[in-house]
C-alpha cells in the first residue's frame, strides 16, 4: 500500500473514531455506530490489497 493511501486511511479512520466517540457522548447511539461498517470495509480493503500484492509476487 502506498504511503499516501496509508496516511489518508489513517486520517479517515481517526476522524471517524473521533466523530463516533463524540456522538456516543452526546447520546446519539445510531450516529455513533456508523464507525463499525467503516472499520469492516477498511479491513476488507486492506485484506484485498494484501492478497493482490501476494499474487503479484
Protein backbone atom coordinates (compact mmCIF):
# COMPACT_ATOMS: atom_id res chain seq x y z
CA UNK A 1 0.00 0.00 0.00
CA UNK A 2 1.35 3.40 -0.90
CA UNK A 3 2.36 5.92 1.68
CA UNK A 4 -0.26 8.50 0.73
CA UNK A 5 -3.06 5.94 0.74
CA UNK A 6 -1.95 4.71 4.17
CA UNK A 7 -1.90 8.24 5.59
CA UNK A 8 -5.31 9.00 4.07
CA UNK A 9 -6.79 5.80 5.51
CA UNK A 10 -5.32 6.53 8.93
CA UNK A 11 -6.62 10.12 8.99
CA UNK A 12 -10.04 8.97 7.78
CA UNK A 13 -10.31 6.28 10.46
CA UNK A 14 -9.15 8.58 13.26
CA UNK A 15 -11.67 11.21 12.16
CA UNK A 16 -14.46 8.65 12.07
CA UNK A 17 -13.46 7.36 15.50
CA UNK A 18 -13.49 10.88 16.97
CA UNK A 19 -16.90 11.53 15.44
CA UNK A 20 -18.21 8.23 16.80
CA UNK A 21 -16.88 8.93 20.29
CA UNK A 22 -18.43 12.41 20.28
CA UNK A 23 -21.77 11.03 19.10
CA UNK A 24 -21.78 8.41 21.85
CA UNK A 25 -21.01 11.06 24.46
CA UNK A 26 -23.97 13.13 23.23
CA UNK A 27 -26.28 10.11 23.46
CA UNK A 28 -26.69 9.62 19.71
CA UNK A 29 -26.20 5.87 19.56
CA UNK A 30 -27.23 5.44 15.93
CA UNK A 31 -24.70 8.00 14.67
CA UNK A 32 -22.01 6.51 16.89
CA UNK A 33 -22.45 3.08 15.34
CA UNK A 34 -21.50 4.36 11.87
CA UNK A 35 -17.84 3.59 12.56
CA UNK A 36 -18.31 -0.19 12.63
CA UNK A 37 -19.31 -0.72 8.98
CA UNK A 38 -16.48 1.66 8.02
CA UNK A 39 -13.98 -0.39 10.00
CA UNK A 40 -15.19 -3.61 8.38
CA UNK A 41 -14.95 -2.03 4.94
CA UNK A 42 -11.42 -0.78 5.58
CA UNK A 43 -10.40 -4.20 6.90
CA UNK A 44 -11.71 -5.92 3.77
CA UNK A 45 -9.99 -3.33 1.58
CA UNK A 46 -6.63 -3.97 3.25
CA UNK A 47 -7.07 -7.74 3.01
CA UNK A 48 -7.85 -7.50 -0.70
CA UNK A 49 -4.85 -5.21 -1.22
CA UNK A 50 -2.52 -7.66 0.53
CA UNK A 51 -3.88 -10.61 -1.46
CA UNK A 52 -3.28 -8.68 -4.66
CA UNK A 53 0.29 -7.89 -3.63
CA UNK A 54 0.98 -11.54 -2.76
CA UNK A 55 -0.50 -12.64 -6.08
CA UNK A 56 1.78 -10.22 -7.96
CA UNK A 57 4.89 -11.70 -6.34
